[in-house]
Amino acid sequence: MAATTPAATTPKVTTTTSSTPKACISDARIASARRYARSRPGSVSFAVFVGGQIRSDEGSVRYRSASLVKAMLLVADLRRHAGDHAPLTRADRARLHAMIHVSDNAAATATYALVGSSGLTSVAHLAGMRNYTLRGSWGTSELTATDQARFWGRLNAVLPAQYRSYARSLLRGISAAQVWGGAPVARSHGYSTMFKSGWLPRTDGWVVHQGLRLERGRCTVGIAVLTGGDASMATGVASIRGVVSHLLG
């Protein structure tokens, strides 16, 4: 049985009636990123959430989540601890650090065993995700760029207050070997950058994803770039880097 967040009709390309705040990402930057994404091989979808508005290109396309969903697992587990009034043990912290810092799959499976499908779908609902689907286990989740941009943009709101600083530190402290795609681009522009990536080889090509929360001054942005059908992981990484580079200028 699939666990799915409430369905919604999402247009192929989402726009808003007003411009994205100039202090963050301009309309011109969105258009530039859109042209770049459409020039790339494979499938490239992206979305930007800023000021309560979503801007996207192919933002409703569903992709296998791969390890991108581990950020949602982190939130679900911290909410479980907060709800149970149970402090994080040393073992809990070691498990969550492994899951986020080096994207350890065994740690993610152990975390999923604790939070279950209801934990993940609850996080999706709280973040305003409309098309998240869980089929069997965390690794078979399906998600969209639009929903992931919402999740990253609303990260502070869905994290329990007592664990917010801890979670943000984990998501800023990804292993140097996995700081690729849009993360180094955002940092070079002076943004405090929290992120998680996912990658998975499939028979029809690689899926390579990244979700980011960028903060600088009064500007907070949630970004998601999802790719599929890539000839190699490097192709997907380059597409993500290019989209974020065009968004940030």
Protein backbone atom coordinates (compact mmCIF):
# COMPACT_ATOMS: atom_id res chain seq x y z
CA MET A 1 0.00 0.00 0.00
CA ALA A 2 1.40 3.36 -1.00
CA ALA A 3 1.34 6.20 1.49
CA THR A 4 0.68 9.43 -0.37
CA THR A 5 0.23 13.04 0.65
CA PRO A 6 -3.01 14.69 -0.51
CA ALA A 7 -3.04 15.00 -4.28
CA ALA A 8 -3.00 18.35 -6.00
CA THR A 9 -2.97 19.48 -9.58
CA THR A 10 0.38 21.13 -10.24
CA PRO A 11 1.07 22.81 -13.60
CA LYS A 12 4.11 21.75 -15.58
CA VAL A 13 5.70 25.17 -15.12
CA THR A 14 4.68 27.10 -12.03
CA THR A 15 4.80 30.87 -11.94
CA THR A 16 3.34 33.52 -9.66
CA THR A 17 1.60 36.80 -10.22
CA SER A 18 4.38 38.81 -8.61
CA SER A 19 8.12 38.81 -9.00
CA THR A 20 10.47 36.92 -6.73
CA PRO A 21 12.01 39.44 -4.28
CA LYS A 22 14.97 41.15 -5.94
CA ALA A 23 17.12 40.65 -2.84
CA CYS A 24 16.97 36.90 -3.42
CA ILE A 25 16.46 35.53 -6.94
CA SER A 26 15.15 37.68 -9.78
CA ASP A 27 12.79 36.73 -12.58
CA ALA A 28 15.70 37.06 -15.00
CA ARG A 29 17.71 34.51 -13.00
CA ILE A 30 14.76 32.09 -13.01
CA ALA A 31 14.45 32.44 -16.78
CA SER A 32 18.19 31.93 -17.26
CA ALA A 33 18.12 28.76 -15.16
CA ARG A 34 15.11 27.50 -17.11
CA ARG A 35 16.88 27.94 -20.45
CA TYR A 36 19.96 26.19 -19.10
CA ALA A 37 17.96 23.26 -17.65
CA ARG A 38 16.21 22.68 -20.96
CA SER A 39 19.56 22.53 -22.75
CA ARG A 40 20.87 19.70 -20.58
CA PRO A 41 20.80 15.98 -21.41
CA GLY A 42 18.35 13.75 -19.61
CA SER A 43 15.58 15.17 -17.45
CA VAL A 44 16.19 18.26 -15.32
CA SER A 45 13.57 19.75 -12.99
CA PHE A 46 14.02 22.59 -10.54
CA ALA A 47 12.01 24.70 -8.15
CA VAL A 48 12.65 27.75 -5.99
CA PHE A 49 10.65 28.61 -2.86
CA VAL A 50 11.10 32.15 -1.56
CA GLY A 51 8.76 34.57 0.15
CA GLY A 52 6.00 31.96 0.19
CA GLN A 53 6.11 31.67 -3.61
CA ILE A 54 7.12 28.75 -5.83
CA ARG A 55 8.81 29.20 -9.20
CA SER A 56 9.67 26.05 -11.12
CA ASP A 57 10.41 24.34 -14.39
CA GLU A 58 9.09 20.78 -14.76
CA GLY A 59 8.52 21.04 -11.03
CA SER A 60 5.74 18.43 -10.87
CA VAL A 61 7.75 15.61 -12.50
CA ARG A 62 8.13 12.65 -10.11
CA TYR A 63 11.53 11.11 -9.46
CA ARG A 64 12.81 8.27 -7.29
CA SER A 65 14.04 10.03 -4.17
CA ALA A 66 17.33 8.18 -3.62
CA SER A 67 19.11 9.66 -0.57
CA LEU A 68 17.48 13.08 -0.87
CA VAL A 69 14.73 11.80 1.45
CA LYS A 70 17.24 11.37 4.30
CA ALA A 71 16.73 15.02 5.27
CA MET A 72 13.04 14.21 5.76
CA LEU A 73 14.00 11.15 7.82
CA LEU A 74 16.13 13.41 10.03
CA VAL A 75 13.19 15.75 10.65
CA ALA A 76 10.82 12.83 11.29
CA ASP A 77 13.13 11.29 13.89
CA LEU A 78 13.73 14.58 15.69
CA ARG A 79 9.98 15.20 15.80
CA ARG A 80 9.53 11.69 17.24
CA HIS A 81 12.01 12.43 20.01
CA ALA A 82 10.39 15.77 20.76
CA GLY A 83 6.93 14.24 20.87
CA ASP A 84 8.08 11.48 23.21
CA HIS A 85 10.07 13.95 25.36
CA ALA A 86 13.02 11.62 24.83
CA PRO A 87 16.49 13.19 24.64
CA LEU A 88 18.86 12.12 21.89
CA THR A 89 21.26 9.47 23.11
CA ARG A 90 24.86 9.12 21.97
CA ALA A 91 23.73 6.22 19.76
CA ASP A 92 20.95 8.35 18.24
CA ARG A 93 23.40 11.13 17.42
CA ALA A 94 25.89 8.68 15.88
CA ARG A 95 23.14 7.16 13.69
CA LEU A 96 21.81 10.53 12.49
CA HIS A 97 25.31 11.88 11.89
CA ALA A 98 26.16 8.88 9.70
CA MET A 99 22.90 9.21 7.76
CA ILE A 100 23.45 12.89 6.97
CA HIS A 101 27.22 13.43 7.05
CA VAL A 102 28.17 10.52 4.77
CA SER A 103 24.68 9.48 3.56
CA ASP A 104 24.90 6.05 5.20
CA ASN A 105 22.11 3.77 3.97
CA ALA A 106 22.15 1.43 6.97
CA ALA A 107 21.63 4.42 9.27
CA ALA A 108 18.74 5.59 7.09
CA THR A 109 17.12 2.14 7.21
CA ALA A 110 17.48 2.08 11.01
CA THR A 111 15.91 5.54 11.22
CA TYR A 112 13.04 4.54 8.95
CA ALA A 113 12.37 1.53 11.20
CA LEU A 114 11.86 4.02 14.05
CA VAL A 115 9.71 6.64 12.30
CA GLY A 116 7.83 4.46 9.80
CA SER A 117 5.82 5.59 6.83
CA SER A 118 3.62 7.75 9.05
CA GLY A 119 6.64 9.73 10.23
CA LEU A 120 7.70 10.58 6.69
CA THR A 121 4.24 11.37 5.40
CA SER A 122 3.62 13.58 8.45
CA VAL A 123 6.74 15.61 7.63
CA ALA A 124 5.60 15.89 4.02
CA HIS A 125 2.20 17.17 5.14
CA LEU A 126 3.70 19.70 7.57
CA ALA A 127 6.02 21.04 4.87
CA GLY A 128 3.15 21.49 2.42
CA MET A 129 4.33 18.76 0.07
CA ARG A 130 1.45 17.71 -2.16
CA ASN A 131 2.82 14.86 -4.26
CA TYR A 132 5.10 12.84 -1.99
CA THR A 133 4.60 9.08 -2.32
CA LEU A 134 6.17 6.31 -0.26
CA ARG A 135 6.13 2.82 -1.73
CA GLY A 136 7.59 0.13 0.51
CA SER A 137 10.57 1.92 2.04
CA TRP A 138 12.45 5.22 2.17
CA GLY A 139 14.55 4.43 -0.91
CA THR A 140 11.50 3.96 -3.10
CA SER A 141 9.95 7.33 -2.25
CA GLU A 142 8.81 9.45 -5.16
CA LEU A 143 9.02 13.23 -4.93
CA THR A 144 9.01 16.38 -7.01
CA ALA A 145 11.23 19.45 -7.20
CA THR A 146 8.34 21.71 -6.20
CA ASP A 147 7.66 19.75 -3.04
CA GLN A 148 11.32 19.55 -2.10
CA ALA A 149 11.75 23.30 -2.53
CA ARG A 150 8.84 23.76 -0.13
CA PHE A 151 10.43 21.37 2.37
CA TRP A 152 13.78 23.16 2.34
CA GLY A 153 12.19 26.60 2.42
CA ARG A 154 10.10 25.61 5.46
CA LEU A 155 12.82 23.59 7.18
CA ASN A 156 12.97 25.73 10.32
CA ALA A 157 9.21 25.54 10.73
CA VAL A 158 9.01 21.73 10.57
CA LEU A 159 11.96 21.12 12.90
CA PRO A 160 11.19 20.91 16.64
CA ALA A 161 12.62 23.96 18.37
CA GLN A 162 14.85 22.04 20.78
CA TYR A 163 16.60 20.20 17.94
CA ARG A 164 16.62 22.94 15.29
CA SER A 165 20.19 24.05 15.85
CA TYR A 166 21.40 20.44 15.91
CA ALA A 167 19.69 19.55 12.62
CA ARG A 168 20.87 22.69 10.87
CA SER A 169 24.44 21.94 11.96
CA LEU A 170 24.23 18.44 10.51
CA LEU A 171 22.90 19.74 7.19
CA ARG A 172 25.67 22.34 6.99
CA GLY A 173 28.34 19.77 7.87
CA ILE A 174 28.05 17.26 5.01
CA SER A 175 31.27 15.37 4.30
CA ALA A 176 33.61 17.36 2.03
CA ALA A 177 33.55 14.51 -0.50
CA GLN A 178 29.81 15.13 -0.98
CA VAL A 179 29.92 18.93 -1.24
CA TRP A 180 29.18 19.19 -4.94
CA GLY A 181 26.54 20.53 -7.32
CA GLY A 182 24.90 23.70 -6.05
CA ALA A 183 26.33 23.67 -2.52
CA PRO A 184 29.79 25.09 -3.31
CA VAL A 185 28.19 27.59 -5.69
CA ALA A 186 25.88 28.89 -2.97
CA ARG A 187 28.71 29.12 -0.45
CA SER A 188 30.81 31.08 -2.93
CA HIS A 189 27.96 33.64 -3.06
CA GLY A 190 28.08 34.07 0.70
CA TYR A 191 25.04 31.97 1.61
CA SER A 192 24.87 29.86 4.74
CA THR A 193 24.07 26.58 3.01
CA MET A 194 22.22 23.53 4.32
CA PHE A 195 21.66 20.72 1.86
CA LYS A 196 21.29 17.02 1.14
CA SER A 197 21.93 15.16 -2.09
CA GLY A 198 20.78 11.87 -3.58
CA TRP A 199 22.17 9.70 -6.35
CA LEU A 200 21.28 6.30 -7.75
CA PRO A 201 22.28 4.38 -10.90
CA ARG A 202 19.29 2.86 -12.72
CA THR A 203 18.85 0.88 -15.91
CA ASP A 204 17.52 4.00 -17.65
CA GLY A 205 20.34 6.21 -16.36
CA TRP A 206 21.38 7.90 -13.14
CA VAL A 207 19.12 9.98 -10.93
CA VAL A 208 21.07 12.75 -9.18
CA HIS A 209 19.32 15.26 -6.91
CA GLN A 210 20.02 18.06 -4.47
CA GLY A 211 17.86 20.10 -2.09
CA LEU A 212 19.24 23.26 -0.48
CA ARG A 213 18.28 25.92 2.03
CA LEU A 214 20.19 29.16 1.49
CA GLU A 215 20.31 32.02 3.98
CA ARG A 216 21.99 35.38 3.60
CA GLY A 217 20.86 38.49 5.42
CA ARG A 218 17.09 38.75 5.06
CA CYS A 219 17.01 36.31 2.15
CA THR A 220 16.01 32.66 2.70
CA VAL A 221 15.57 30.38 -0.30
CA GLY A 222 14.59 26.73 -0.71
CA ILE A 223 15.92 25.17 -3.92
CA ALA A 224 15.57 21.69 -5.35
CA VAL A 225 17.17 20.38 -8.55
CA LEU A 226 16.22 16.84 -9.60
CA THR A 227 17.69 15.01 -12.59
CA GLY A 228 17.08 11.67 -14.25
CA GLY A 229 18.24 9.63 -17.23
CA ASP A 230 21.79 10.89 -16.78
CA ALA A 231 24.59 9.04 -18.58
CA SER A 232 26.72 9.34 -15.46
CA MET A 233 26.61 10.80 -11.99
CA ALA A 234 28.94 13.54 -13.20
CA THR A 235 26.33 14.63 -15.76
CA GLY A 236 23.71 15.10 -13.05
CA VAL A 237 26.13 16.90 -10.75
CA ALA A 238 27.02 19.31 -13.57
CA SER A 239 23.34 19.98 -14.30
CA ILE A 240 22.66 20.80 -10.65
CA ARG A 241 25.70 23.07 -10.44
CA GLY A 242 24.66 24.86 -13.62
CA VAL A 243 21.06 25.44 -12.54
CA VAL A 244 22.11 26.87 -9.17
CA SER A 245 24.81 29.00 -10.83
CA HIS A 246 22.22 30.51 -13.15
CA LEU A 247 19.78 31.08 -10.28
CA LEU A 248 22.33 32.91 -8.17
CA GLY A 249 23.99 34.80 -11.02
